[in-house]
């Protein structure tokens, strides 16, 4: 007998509790109770079934954070399908690759991205249907009040049909089915999230719906997560971290506050308005928040934040110091993990400032081993090796790239290529990606160490360190720097570096830029930087 769907169970137990809030500046807030949200999810699921979607088929969604995309992720599960998010920041060609490679049969897209789909529609021939959704039209004269509380609606209100729909596209209003609970075997459902593609084409990481359940329970107990928490997004739901933690929030019956698109001060407004208590964030958004003027930050109460899960990319120590000045220090947890392997280590609040540079101890129900280049396990402390994980949360495979999955497998141990070492208390320290390590004059240099040192300078907002070919030294260190202080120059940065780092680690070349290229999940695209700066710096 099939077990009841998690969302349906929550909706049955707490029908009137607010499930989801979509509150955007300049528009009236939208919200749904769990009963109304579950009915809307069922309408999408039955719409997919009416379009002929079978269990195990791939269905794709495209859009910024909204009630609609959150509902679609649940609807895919209720259909027994595999949910595939599409990064809306991709170019036309990159989008075509992911859509075609995934074998998606339906694309559920925000009307904002209809022009993209129109341009590429004749090149995504495996897609049978494109469904276009859209929310209420903006009302510029309606501003959310500071004391606004989410109110439950009966269901999302449909606007008039958008004009100019392209051939083969269907408006959501014509697509939605009945509110009945779909009677479908969910055993084939799951997710397929395309990795960020920092090297070459992205790969679809497939994960079965039931994988990692023991780890999730252990992790939530460690964090002290509660059903009355209010989860707020701090990044796009298409990324595995924000999306995964939002899914957990729904499963626990929490209220989920969706920020449509990240903006630092508006994020504080939402925390204050809805008393948000948990979130997951990459370093870049929080860096934008803590860098706000003190007068701006003082307008918003941040004391409700109980659980900040830091991840997606390493949080520099200087950023952690800034965070605990602006938010409750006991709220800051850090996890190390990946789309492929889930959460692998946890650093608790009490250790954040005590263990600078550490990503914590092994997470519940996770085994970790370090291997040297010869495949021999490393048992010594403070000795770097490639980090391998064995756990139930490890993904099933790469779609259509089983050989790449097997290449990273070592008798049941899996890796994403990160180098790490362990100290005498069992805390792990990520040195860097194996491929990013710089060898200069025979010395190993880990870019993360150099980046962490430079980011202690108050005039530096962000820095990426890479190695470039050098005839004399093999490689030389380049630092690409985004500044807070426009008066800061390369000489001053090098002077600061000499005070923080051994001589061989000091960047020999510094480039000042306005922005560092990143993936949609805020990982630095060092491949692009290597291509950009491969030529010698011009002499002046």
Protein backbone atom coordinates (compact mmCIF):
# COMPACT_ATOMS: atom_id res chain seq x y z
CA UNK A 1 0.00 0.00 0.00
CA UNK A 2 1.37 3.39 -0.95
CA UNK A 3 2.25 5.70 1.95
CA UNK A 4 0.39 9.04 2.11
CA UNK A 5 2.15 11.92 0.44
CA UNK A 6 4.07 14.08 2.93
CA UNK A 7 2.43 17.32 1.85
CA UNK A 8 -1.02 15.73 1.95
CA UNK A 9 -0.35 14.45 5.48
CA UNK A 10 0.66 17.93 6.68
CA UNK A 11 -2.36 19.51 4.94
CA UNK A 12 -4.66 17.00 6.63
CA UNK A 13 -3.16 17.62 10.07
CA UNK A 14 -2.85 21.42 9.77
CA UNK A 15 -5.22 22.58 7.01
CA UNK A 16 -5.42 26.22 8.14
CA UNK A 17 -1.72 26.81 8.85
CA UNK A 18 0.03 29.12 6.39
CA UNK A 19 2.17 27.01 4.09
CA UNK A 20 3.76 29.54 1.78
CA UNK A 21 4.13 33.30 1.38
CA UNK A 22 5.16 35.19 -1.78
CA UNK A 23 5.70 38.81 -0.72
CA UNK A 24 7.30 41.14 -3.31
CA UNK A 25 7.90 44.88 -2.99
CA UNK A 26 5.17 46.88 -4.74
CA UNK A 27 2.74 43.95 -4.86
CA UNK A 28 0.18 42.67 -2.35
CA UNK A 29 1.51 39.58 -0.54
CA UNK A 30 0.11 36.22 -1.64
CA UNK A 31 -0.18 33.29 0.73
CA UNK A 32 -1.80 29.87 0.89
CA UNK A 33 -2.84 27.65 3.76
CA UNK A 34 -1.61 24.05 3.68
CA UNK A 35 -5.04 22.87 2.53
CA UNK A 36 -5.16 25.43 -0.31
CA UNK A 37 -1.53 24.80 -1.25
CA UNK A 38 -2.11 21.05 -1.39
CA UNK A 39 -5.19 21.56 -3.60
CA UNK A 40 -3.14 23.74 -5.96
CA UNK A 41 -0.36 21.14 -6.05
CA UNK A 42 -2.95 18.49 -6.93
CA UNK A 43 -4.27 20.66 -9.76
CA UNK A 44 -0.78 20.87 -11.27
CA UNK A 45 -0.17 17.15 -10.76
CA UNK A 46 -3.46 16.23 -12.43
CA UNK A 47 -2.68 18.68 -15.22
CA UNK A 48 0.59 16.83 -15.83
CA UNK A 49 -1.23 13.51 -15.84
CA UNK A 50 -3.80 14.90 -18.30
CA UNK A 51 -0.88 15.83 -20.58
CA UNK A 52 0.21 12.19 -20.55
CA UNK A 53 3.16 12.43 -18.14
CA UNK A 54 4.08 8.95 -16.90
CA UNK A 55 5.92 7.95 -13.71
CA UNK A 56 9.67 8.24 -14.17
CA UNK A 57 9.45 10.84 -16.97
CA UNK A 58 11.32 14.13 -16.56
CA UNK A 59 9.38 17.37 -16.06
CA UNK A 60 11.18 20.71 -15.93
CA UNK A 61 10.42 23.99 -14.20
CA UNK A 62 11.82 27.42 -14.95
CA UNK A 63 11.33 30.59 -12.94
CA UNK A 64 12.38 32.72 -10.02
CA UNK A 65 11.08 31.82 -6.57
CA UNK A 66 7.28 31.81 -6.46
CA UNK A 67 4.31 29.85 -5.14
CA UNK A 68 3.99 28.31 -8.59
CA UNK A 69 7.49 26.81 -8.79
CA UNK A 70 7.32 25.63 -5.17
CA UNK A 71 4.02 23.88 -5.95
CA UNK A 72 5.41 22.31 -9.11
CA UNK A 73 8.19 20.53 -7.20
CA UNK A 74 5.55 18.80 -5.08
CA UNK A 75 3.30 18.14 -8.08
CA UNK A 76 6.11 16.34 -9.89
CA UNK A 77 6.47 13.99 -6.91
CA UNK A 78 2.71 13.33 -6.80
CA UNK A 79 2.87 12.48 -10.51
CA UNK A 80 5.69 10.00 -9.91
CA UNK A 81 7.87 12.09 -12.23
CA UNK A 82 11.43 13.35 -11.86
CA UNK A 83 11.62 17.09 -11.17
CA UNK A 84 14.31 18.96 -13.12
CA UNK A 85 14.99 22.64 -12.33
CA UNK A 86 16.44 24.84 -15.08
CA UNK A 87 18.79 27.64 -14.08
CA UNK A 88 17.16 30.78 -15.49
CA UNK A 89 20.56 32.48 -15.80
CA UNK A 90 21.71 30.13 -18.56
CA UNK A 91 22.21 31.29 -22.14
CA UNK A 92 20.02 29.98 -24.95
CA UNK A 93 22.56 27.34 -25.96
CA UNK A 94 23.15 26.25 -22.37
CA UNK A 95 19.39 25.97 -21.80
CA UNK A 96 18.99 23.88 -24.94
CA UNK A 97 21.72 21.51 -23.76
CA UNK A 98 20.11 20.94 -20.33
CA UNK A 99 16.56 20.59 -21.66
CA UNK A 100 17.61 18.17 -24.39
CA UNK A 101 20.04 16.19 -22.23
CA UNK A 102 17.42 15.76 -19.50
CA UNK A 103 14.79 14.31 -21.89
CA UNK A 104 12.18 16.54 -20.24
CA UNK A 105 8.71 16.13 -21.76
CA UNK A 106 7.05 19.16 -20.14
CA UNK A 107 8.46 22.60 -19.24
CA UNK A 108 6.54 24.62 -16.64
CA UNK A 109 7.77 28.20 -16.98
CA UNK A 110 7.24 31.69 -15.63
CA UNK A 111 5.83 34.00 -18.33
CA UNK A 112 8.99 36.10 -17.89
CA UNK A 113 10.98 33.36 -19.60
CA UNK A 114 8.52 32.69 -22.44
CA UNK A 115 10.73 34.68 -24.87
CA UNK A 116 13.64 32.34 -24.13
CA UNK A 117 11.50 29.28 -24.78
CA UNK A 118 10.10 30.91 -27.92
CA UNK A 119 13.62 31.39 -29.30
CA UNK A 120 14.64 27.79 -28.69
CA UNK A 121 11.30 25.95 -29.08
CA UNK A 122 12.17 24.35 -32.42
CA UNK A 123 15.44 23.02 -30.97
CA UNK A 124 13.96 21.25 -27.92
CA UNK A 125 12.08 18.61 -29.84
CA UNK A 126 11.69 16.15 -26.95
CA UNK A 127 9.48 18.62 -25.09
CA UNK A 128 5.82 17.82 -25.76
CA UNK A 129 4.27 20.74 -23.89
CA UNK A 130 5.30 24.15 -22.55
CA UNK A 131 3.04 25.46 -19.79
CA UNK A 132 3.29 29.15 -18.96
CA UNK A 133 2.29 30.47 -15.54
CA UNK A 134 2.14 34.02 -14.26
CA UNK A 135 1.16 35.69 -11.01
CA UNK A 136 -0.96 38.75 -10.30
CA UNK A 137 -0.09 41.95 -12.13
CA UNK A 138 1.96 44.43 -10.03
CA UNK A 139 -0.02 47.09 -8.20
CA UNK A 140 2.35 49.97 -7.64
CA UNK A 141 0.06 51.77 -5.19
CA UNK A 142 -0.19 48.76 -2.84
CA UNK A 143 2.70 48.43 -0.38
CA UNK A 144 2.94 45.60 2.18
CA UNK A 145 2.67 46.94 5.72
CA UNK A 146 5.34 46.17 8.31
CA UNK A 147 2.85 44.25 10.46
CA UNK A 148 1.38 42.24 7.59
CA UNK A 149 0.79 38.60 8.51
CA UNK A 150 0.26 35.87 5.91
CA UNK A 151 -3.40 35.22 5.25
CA UNK A 152 -4.65 32.03 3.67
CA UNK A 153 -6.34 32.29 0.28
CA UNK A 154 -8.46 29.61 -1.28
CA UNK A 155 -6.15 29.18 -4.28
CA UNK A 156 -3.87 31.29 -6.48
CA UNK A 157 -5.82 33.80 -8.50
CA UNK A 158 -5.41 33.48 -12.27
CA UNK A 159 -5.00 36.60 -14.40
CA UNK A 160 -6.34 37.01 -17.88
CA UNK A 161 -4.60 34.85 -20.43
CA UNK A 162 -1.23 36.32 -21.43
CA UNK A 163 -1.13 37.62 -24.96
CA UNK A 164 1.20 36.35 -27.65
CA UNK A 165 1.62 32.77 -26.48
CA UNK A 166 3.80 30.90 -28.91
CA UNK A 167 2.73 27.80 -30.75
CA UNK A 168 2.79 24.78 -28.46
CA UNK A 169 2.55 26.85 -25.27
CA UNK A 170 -0.36 26.52 -22.87
CA UNK A 171 -1.43 29.06 -20.22
CA UNK A 172 -1.62 27.68 -16.70
CA UNK A 173 -5.34 28.41 -16.44
CA UNK A 174 -6.05 25.90 -19.23
CA UNK A 175 -3.59 23.37 -17.83
CA UNK A 176 -4.72 22.95 -14.22
CA UNK A 177 -6.64 19.76 -13.40
CA UNK A 178 -8.83 18.68 -10.51
CA UNK A 179 -8.01 19.07 -6.81
CA UNK A 180 -8.34 15.31 -6.24
CA UNK A 181 -5.36 13.47 -4.79
CA UNK A 182 -3.57 11.70 -7.68
CA UNK A 183 -3.58 7.92 -7.35
CA UNK A 184 -0.06 7.36 -8.71
CA UNK A 185 2.88 5.23 -7.59
CA UNK A 186 5.53 7.71 -6.40
CA UNK A 187 8.35 5.18 -6.30
CA UNK A 188 9.78 6.47 -9.60
CA UNK A 189 9.83 10.11 -8.48
CA UNK A 190 12.97 12.01 -7.60
CA UNK A 191 15.08 14.98 -8.57
CA UNK A 192 17.68 15.60 -11.23
CA UNK A 193 19.70 18.72 -10.52
CA UNK A 194 22.28 19.80 -13.05
CA UNK A 195 25.62 20.58 -11.46
CA UNK A 196 26.93 24.08 -11.85
CA UNK A 197 29.19 23.25 -14.76
CA UNK A 198 32.36 24.91 -13.50
CA UNK A 199 34.18 22.56 -15.85
CA UNK A 200 32.57 21.69 -19.19
CA UNK A 201 28.89 20.88 -19.65
CA UNK A 202 26.76 20.44 -16.53
CA UNK A 203 25.73 16.92 -15.52
CA UNK A 204 22.36 15.82 -14.18
CA UNK A 205 22.75 14.38 -10.68
CA UNK A 206 19.91 11.88 -10.16
CA UNK A 207 18.64 11.22 -6.65
CA UNK A 208 15.88 8.78 -5.65
CA UNK A 209 13.08 10.25 -3.53
CA UNK A 210 13.81 8.13 -0.46
CA UNK A 211 17.59 8.50 -0.34
CA UNK A 212 19.29 9.93 2.74
CA UNK A 213 16.26 9.78 5.06
CA UNK A 214 18.34 8.67 8.07
CA UNK A 215 20.79 11.52 7.50
CA UNK A 216 18.04 14.14 7.19
CA UNK A 217 16.51 13.06 10.50
CA UNK A 218 19.88 13.08 12.25
CA UNK A 219 20.75 16.49 10.80
CA UNK A 220 17.42 18.07 11.78
CA UNK A 221 17.77 16.75 15.32
CA UNK A 222 21.28 18.21 15.51
CA UNK A 223 20.06 21.60 14.27
CA UNK A 224 17.07 21.58 16.60
CA UNK A 225 14.63 22.27 13.75
CA UNK A 226 11.00 22.77 14.84
CA UNK A 227 7.65 22.66 13.01
CA UNK A 228 6.95 26.23 14.14
CA UNK A 229 10.06 27.58 12.40
CA UNK A 230 9.51 30.00 9.52
CA UNK A 231 11.88 29.26 6.65
CA UNK A 232 12.94 32.06 4.29
CA UNK A 233 14.71 31.49 0.99
CA UNK A 234 18.08 33.16 0.50
CA UNK A 235 18.77 32.09 -3.06
CA UNK A 236 17.03 30.44 -6.00
CA UNK A 237 15.07 27.24 -5.40
CA UNK A 238 16.68 25.63 -8.45
CA UNK A 239 19.87 25.26 -6.41
CA UNK A 240 20.04 22.08 -4.34
CA UNK A 241 20.64 23.83 -0.99
CA UNK A 242 17.81 26.40 -0.86
CA UNK A 243 15.46 24.00 -2.64
CA UNK A 244 16.36 21.06 -0.43
CA UNK A 245 15.92 22.92 2.83
CA UNK A 246 12.64 24.42 1.59
CA UNK A 247 11.42 20.87 0.86
CA UNK A 248 12.31 19.86 4.41
CA UNK A 249 10.43 22.89 5.74
CA UNK A 250 7.28 21.87 3.86
CA UNK A 251 7.62 18.27 5.07
CA UNK A 252 7.75 19.49 8.67
CA UNK A 253 4.76 21.79 8.22
CA UNK A 254 6.70 25.03 8.56
CA UNK A 255 5.72 28.29 6.87
CA UNK A 256 7.96 28.99 3.87
CA UNK A 257 8.58 32.64 2.90
CA UNK A 258 9.69 32.96 -0.72
CA UNK A 259 11.80 35.93 -1.74
CA UNK A 260 11.21 36.18 -5.47
CA UNK A 261 14.68 37.55 -6.17
CA UNK A 262 17.36 38.28 -3.60
CA UNK A 263 17.77 41.88 -2.48
CA UNK A 264 19.59 42.51 0.78
CA UNK A 265 17.39 45.09 2.52
CA UNK A 266 14.17 43.46 1.34
CA UNK A 267 15.41 40.16 2.80
CA UNK A 268 15.72 41.88 6.18
CA UNK A 269 12.20 43.29 5.73
CA UNK A 270 10.82 39.80 5.21
CA UNK A 271 12.65 38.44 8.26
CA UNK A 272 11.22 41.26 10.37
CA UNK A 273 7.69 41.00 8.93
CA UNK A 274 7.26 37.23 9.20
CA UNK A 275 9.66 36.55 12.08
CA UNK A 276 11.68 34.16 9.95
CA UNK A 277 13.77 31.76 12.00
CA UNK A 278 15.70 29.56 9.54
CA UNK A 279 17.41 29.76 6.20
CA UNK A 280 20.23 28.42 4.03
CA UNK A 281 22.67 30.78 2.33
CA UNK A 282 25.75 31.04 0.18
CA UNK A 283 28.30 33.64 1.31
CA UNK A 284 27.53 36.29 -1.33
CA UNK A 285 23.96 37.20 -0.22
CA UNK A 286 24.95 37.43 3.45
CA UNK A 287 27.98 39.52 2.54
CA UNK A 288 25.56 41.95 0.88
CA UNK A 289 23.40 41.99 4.02
CA UNK A 290 26.17 42.63 6.56
CA UNK A 291 27.66 45.30 4.28
CA UNK A 292 24.46 47.35 4.45
CA UNK A 293 24.71 50.65 6.29
CA UNK A 294 24.21 50.23 10.05
CA UNK A 295 21.30 52.67 9.90
CA UNK A 296 19.57 50.46 7.33
CA UNK A 297 20.12 47.28 9.32
CA UNK A 298 18.81 48.93 12.49
CA UNK A 299 15.36 49.30 10.88
CA UNK A 300 14.75 45.55 10.99
CA UNK A 301 14.50 43.09 13.86
CA UNK A 302 16.78 40.11 13.19
CA UNK A 303 16.46 38.42 16.56
CA UNK A 304 14.06 35.73 15.29
CA UNK A 305 16.82 33.98 13.27
CA UNK A 306 17.54 30.64 14.98
CA UNK A 307 19.18 28.66 12.21
CA UNK A 308 21.45 30.00 9.48
CA UNK A 309 22.90 27.12 7.48
CA UNK A 310 26.03 28.40 5.75
CA UNK A 311 27.03 26.52 2.63
CA UNK A 312 27.12 26.53 -1.23
CA UNK A 313 30.67 27.93 -1.04
CA UNK A 314 33.01 28.39 1.95
CA UNK A 315 32.16 31.29 4.23
CA UNK A 316 35.34 33.27 4.91
CA UNK A 317 36.15 33.75 8.59
CA UNK A 318 35.80 37.52 8.23
CA UNK A 319 32.23 37.04 6.97
CA UNK A 320 31.38 34.84 9.95
CA UNK A 321 32.69 37.52 12.30
CA UNK A 322 30.49 40.10 10.58
CA UNK A 323 27.44 37.80 10.66
CA UNK A 324 27.56 37.12 14.41
CA UNK A 325 27.64 40.89 15.05
CA UNK A 326 24.38 41.36 13.14
CA UNK A 327 22.49 38.14 13.97
CA UNK A 328 22.22 35.83 17.00
CA UNK A 329 25.64 34.08 17.20
CA UNK A 330 24.00 30.80 18.22
CA UNK A 331 22.15 30.71 14.88
CA UNK A 332 25.25 30.16 12.71
CA UNK A 333 25.84 26.59 11.56
CA UNK A 334 28.02 25.64 8.61
CA UNK A 335 27.77 22.52 6.49
CA UNK A 336 30.03 21.14 3.80
CA UNK A 337 28.46 19.15 1.01
CA UNK A 338 27.46 19.13 -2.62
CA UNK A 339 24.60 18.45 -5.00
CA UNK A 340 26.02 14.98 -5.53
CA UNK A 341 26.80 13.96 -1.95
CA UNK A 342 24.40 15.91 0.26
CA UNK A 343 25.56 17.27 3.63
CA UNK A 344 28.84 15.69 4.76
CA UNK A 345 30.16 17.77 7.67
CA UNK A 346 28.68 20.16 10.23
CA UNK A 347 30.32 23.00 12.19
CA UNK A 348 28.26 24.00 15.23
CA UNK A 349 27.82 27.59 16.47
CA UNK A 350 30.19 27.14 19.43
CA UNK A 351 32.99 26.18 17.05
CA UNK A 352 32.54 28.89 14.40
CA UNK A 353 35.10 31.29 15.81
CA UNK A 354 37.09 28.66 17.71
CA UNK A 355 37.93 26.67 14.57
CA UNK A 356 38.63 29.21 11.78
CA UNK A 357 38.73 27.56 8.38
CA UNK A 358 37.07 24.32 9.49
CA UNK A 359 33.89 22.93 7.93
CA UNK A 360 33.23 20.79 11.00
CA UNK A 361 33.01 17.15 11.96
CA UNK A 362 31.33 14.37 9.99
CA UNK A 363 27.55 14.80 9.80
CA UNK A 364 25.25 12.15 11.34
CA UNK A 365 25.37 8.81 9.48
CA UNK A 366 28.22 9.99 7.20
CA UNK A 367 31.60 8.25 6.87
CA UNK A 368 34.58 10.23 5.58
CA UNK A 369 38.01 9.05 4.46
CA UNK A 370 40.95 10.93 2.96
CA UNK A 371 43.00 9.24 0.23
CA UNK A 372 46.40 10.15 -1.15
CA UNK A 373 47.25 10.18 -4.89
CA UNK A 374 48.00 6.45 -4.77
CA UNK A 375 44.60 5.60 -3.32
CA UNK A 376 45.96 4.86 0.16
CA UNK A 377 43.86 6.04 3.11
CA UNK A 378 45.44 8.81 5.18
CA UNK A 379 45.23 8.35 8.93
CA UNK A 380 47.60 11.12 10.03
CA UNK A 381 46.30 14.49 11.19
CA UNK A 382 47.06 17.69 9.27
CA UNK A 383 47.91 15.73 6.11
CA UNK A 384 45.92 16.75 3.02
CA UNK A 385 44.17 14.16 0.91
CA UNK A 386 41.21 13.85 -1.40
CA UNK A 387 37.98 13.66 0.59
CA UNK A 388 35.71 10.67 -0.08
CA UNK A 389 32.27 10.07 1.45
CA UNK A 390 30.11 7.02 2.07
CA UNK A 391 26.50 7.76 2.98
CA UNK A 392 22.91 7.08 1.98
CA UNK A 393 22.53 10.66 0.72
CA UNK A 394 25.03 10.16 -2.10
CA UNK A 395 23.29 10.60 -5.45
CA UNK A 396 22.38 7.64 -7.63
CA UNK A 397 24.25 8.52 -10.81
CA UNK A 398 24.90 11.16 -13.45
CA UNK A 399 22.19 10.98 -16.11
CA UNK A 400 23.64 9.69 -19.38
CA UNK A 401 27.11 9.94 -17.83
CA UNK A 402 27.41 6.79 -15.74
CA UNK A 403 31.11 6.59 -16.58
CA UNK A 404 31.74 9.93 -14.84
CA UNK A 405 29.87 8.66 -11.80
CA UNK A 406 31.97 5.50 -11.79
CA UNK A 407 35.18 7.50 -12.19
CA UNK A 408 34.50 9.25 -8.88
CA UNK A 409 33.56 6.00 -7.11
CA UNK A 410 36.11 4.02 -5.10
CA UNK A 411 34.51 0.84 -3.76
CA UNK A 412 31.45 2.70 -2.52
CA UNK A 413 33.30 5.87 -1.57
CA UNK A 414 32.51 8.99 -3.62
CA UNK A 415 34.24 12.31 -4.17
CA UNK A 416 33.71 15.64 -5.90
CA UNK A 417 37.46 16.27 -5.94
CA UNK A 418 37.93 18.37 -2.79
CA UNK A 419 41.21 18.27 -0.86
CA UNK A 420 41.02 18.31 2.95
CA UNK A 421 42.81 17.45 6.16
CA UNK A 422 41.64 16.54 9.67
CA UNK A 423 42.93 17.88 12.97
CA UNK A 424 43.40 16.09 16.30
CA UNK A 425 39.83 16.91 17.39
CA UNK A 426 38.22 15.38 14.30
CA UNK A 427 37.49 18.67 12.54
CA UNK A 428 37.87 18.75 8.75
CA UNK A 429 39.42 21.61 6.82
CA UNK A 430 38.78 21.92 3.07
CA UNK A 431 41.98 23.04 1.36
CA UNK A 432 40.47 23.47 -2.10
CA UNK A 433 39.37 21.58 -5.15
CA UNK A 434 42.13 19.22 -6.26
CA UNK A 435 42.06 20.77 -9.70
CA UNK A 436 42.37 24.30 -8.25
CA UNK A 437 45.52 23.63 -6.23
CA UNK A 438 48.47 25.75 -7.38
CA UNK A 439 52.00 24.31 -7.54
CA UNK A 440 54.56 27.10 -7.60
CA UNK A 441 58.24 26.30 -7.31
CA UNK A 442 57.34 22.82 -6.12
CA UNK A 443 55.19 24.18 -3.27
CA UNK A 444 51.49 23.37 -2.93
CA UNK A 445 49.33 26.49 -2.55
CA UNK A 446 45.64 26.21 -1.74
CA UNK A 447 43.68 29.20 -3.16
CA UNK A 448 41.10 29.04 -0.35
CA UNK A 449 43.81 29.84 2.20
CA UNK A 450 44.99 32.88 0.25
CA UNK A 451 41.39 34.06 -0.31
CA UNK A 452 40.58 33.77 3.39
CA UNK A 453 43.65 35.81 4.32
CA UNK A 454 42.95 38.61 1.84
CA UNK A 455 39.28 38.89 2.80
CA UNK A 456 40.31 40.05 6.26
CA UNK A 457 41.19 43.38 4.66
CA UNK A 458 38.24 45.74 5.30
CA UNK A 459 38.60 47.24 1.81
CA UNK A 460 38.13 43.88 0.06
CA UNK A 461 34.60 42.66 -0.69
CA UNK A 462 35.49 39.41 -2.42
CA UNK A 463 38.50 37.67 -3.92
CA UNK A 464 39.20 34.70 -6.18
CA UNK A 465 42.68 33.18 -6.39
CA UNK A 466 43.87 31.07 -9.32
CA UNK A 467 47.12 29.76 -10.68
CA UNK A 468 48.51 30.79 -14.07
CA UNK A 469 51.29 29.09 -16.07
CA UNK A 470 54.75 30.49 -15.39
CA UNK A 471 57.96 29.55 -17.21
CA UNK A 472 60.12 29.92 -14.11
CA UNK A 473 57.92 28.68 -11.30
CA UNK A 474 55.48 26.35 -13.07
CA UNK A 475 52.54 28.42 -11.81
CA UNK A 476 52.16 31.86 -10.30
CA UNK A 477 49.44 33.16 -7.99
CA UNK A 478 46.84 35.62 -9.32
CA UNK A 479 44.27 37.32 -7.07
CA UNK A 480 41.13 38.76 -8.69
CA UNK A 481 39.73 41.32 -6.23
CA UNK A 482 36.39 43.11 -5.84
CA UNK A 483 36.85 46.13 -3.56
CA UNK A 484 34.71 47.90 -0.97
CA UNK A 485 37.14 50.82 -1.08
CA UNK A 486 37.97 52.25 -4.51
CA UNK A 487 41.13 53.85 -3.13
CA UNK A 488 42.62 50.43 -2.39
CA UNK A 489 45.23 49.55 -5.01
CA UNK A 490 47.23 46.44 -5.95
CA UNK A 491 50.36 47.56 -4.04
CA UNK A 492 48.38 47.97 -0.82
CA UNK A 493 46.84 44.51 -1.28
CA UNK A 494 50.23 42.92 -1.75
CA UNK A 495 51.56 44.72 1.32
CA UNK A 496 48.64 43.33 3.33
CA UNK A 497 49.24 39.84 1.90
CA UNK A 498 52.87 39.91 3.08
CA UNK A 499 51.62 40.43 6.63
CA UNK A 500 49.26 37.44 6.40
CA UNK A 501 50.95 34.82 4.23
CA UNK A 502 54.21 33.02 3.64
CA UNK A 503 56.23 34.54 0.82
CA UNK A 504 55.52 31.82 -1.73
CA UNK A 505 51.74 32.25 -1.26
CA UNK A 506 51.64 35.99 -1.95
CA UNK A 507 49.84 36.85 -5.21
CA UNK A 508 52.36 38.03 -7.78
CA UNK A 509 49.60 39.55 -9.87
CA UNK A 510 46.44 41.32 -8.75
CA UNK A 511 43.50 42.25 -10.96
CA UNK A 512 40.85 44.70 -9.71
CA UNK A 513 37.37 43.97 -11.06
CA UNK A 514 33.76 44.98 -10.45
CA UNK A 515 32.45 41.42 -10.30
CA UNK A 516 33.70 37.84 -10.17
CA UNK A 517 31.85 35.45 -12.51
CA UNK A 518 29.77 32.84 -10.69
CA UNK A 519 27.45 29.98 -11.33
CA UNK A 520 23.77 30.25 -10.42
CA UNK A 521 24.61 28.64 -7.05
CA UNK A 522 27.25 31.31 -6.31
CA UNK A 523 30.30 29.18 -6.93
CA UNK A 524 33.14 31.13 -8.50
CA UNK A 525 33.79 30.26 -12.14
CA UNK A 526 37.56 29.99 -11.89
CA UNK A 527 37.66 28.33 -15.28
CA UNK A 528 36.46 31.60 -16.81
CA UNK A 529 39.05 33.55 -14.85
CA UNK A 530 41.85 31.28 -16.07
CA UNK A 531 40.71 31.80 -19.66
CA UNK A 532 40.41 35.56 -19.16
CA UNK A 533 43.83 36.05 -17.57
CA UNK A 534 45.83 33.41 -19.40
CA UNK A 535 47.70 36.12 -21.30
CA UNK A 536 50.45 38.02 -19.46
CA UNK A 537 49.44 41.28 -17.80
CA UNK A 538 50.19 44.34 -19.91
CA UNK A 539 53.21 46.32 -18.77
CA UNK A 540 52.83 50.00 -18.04
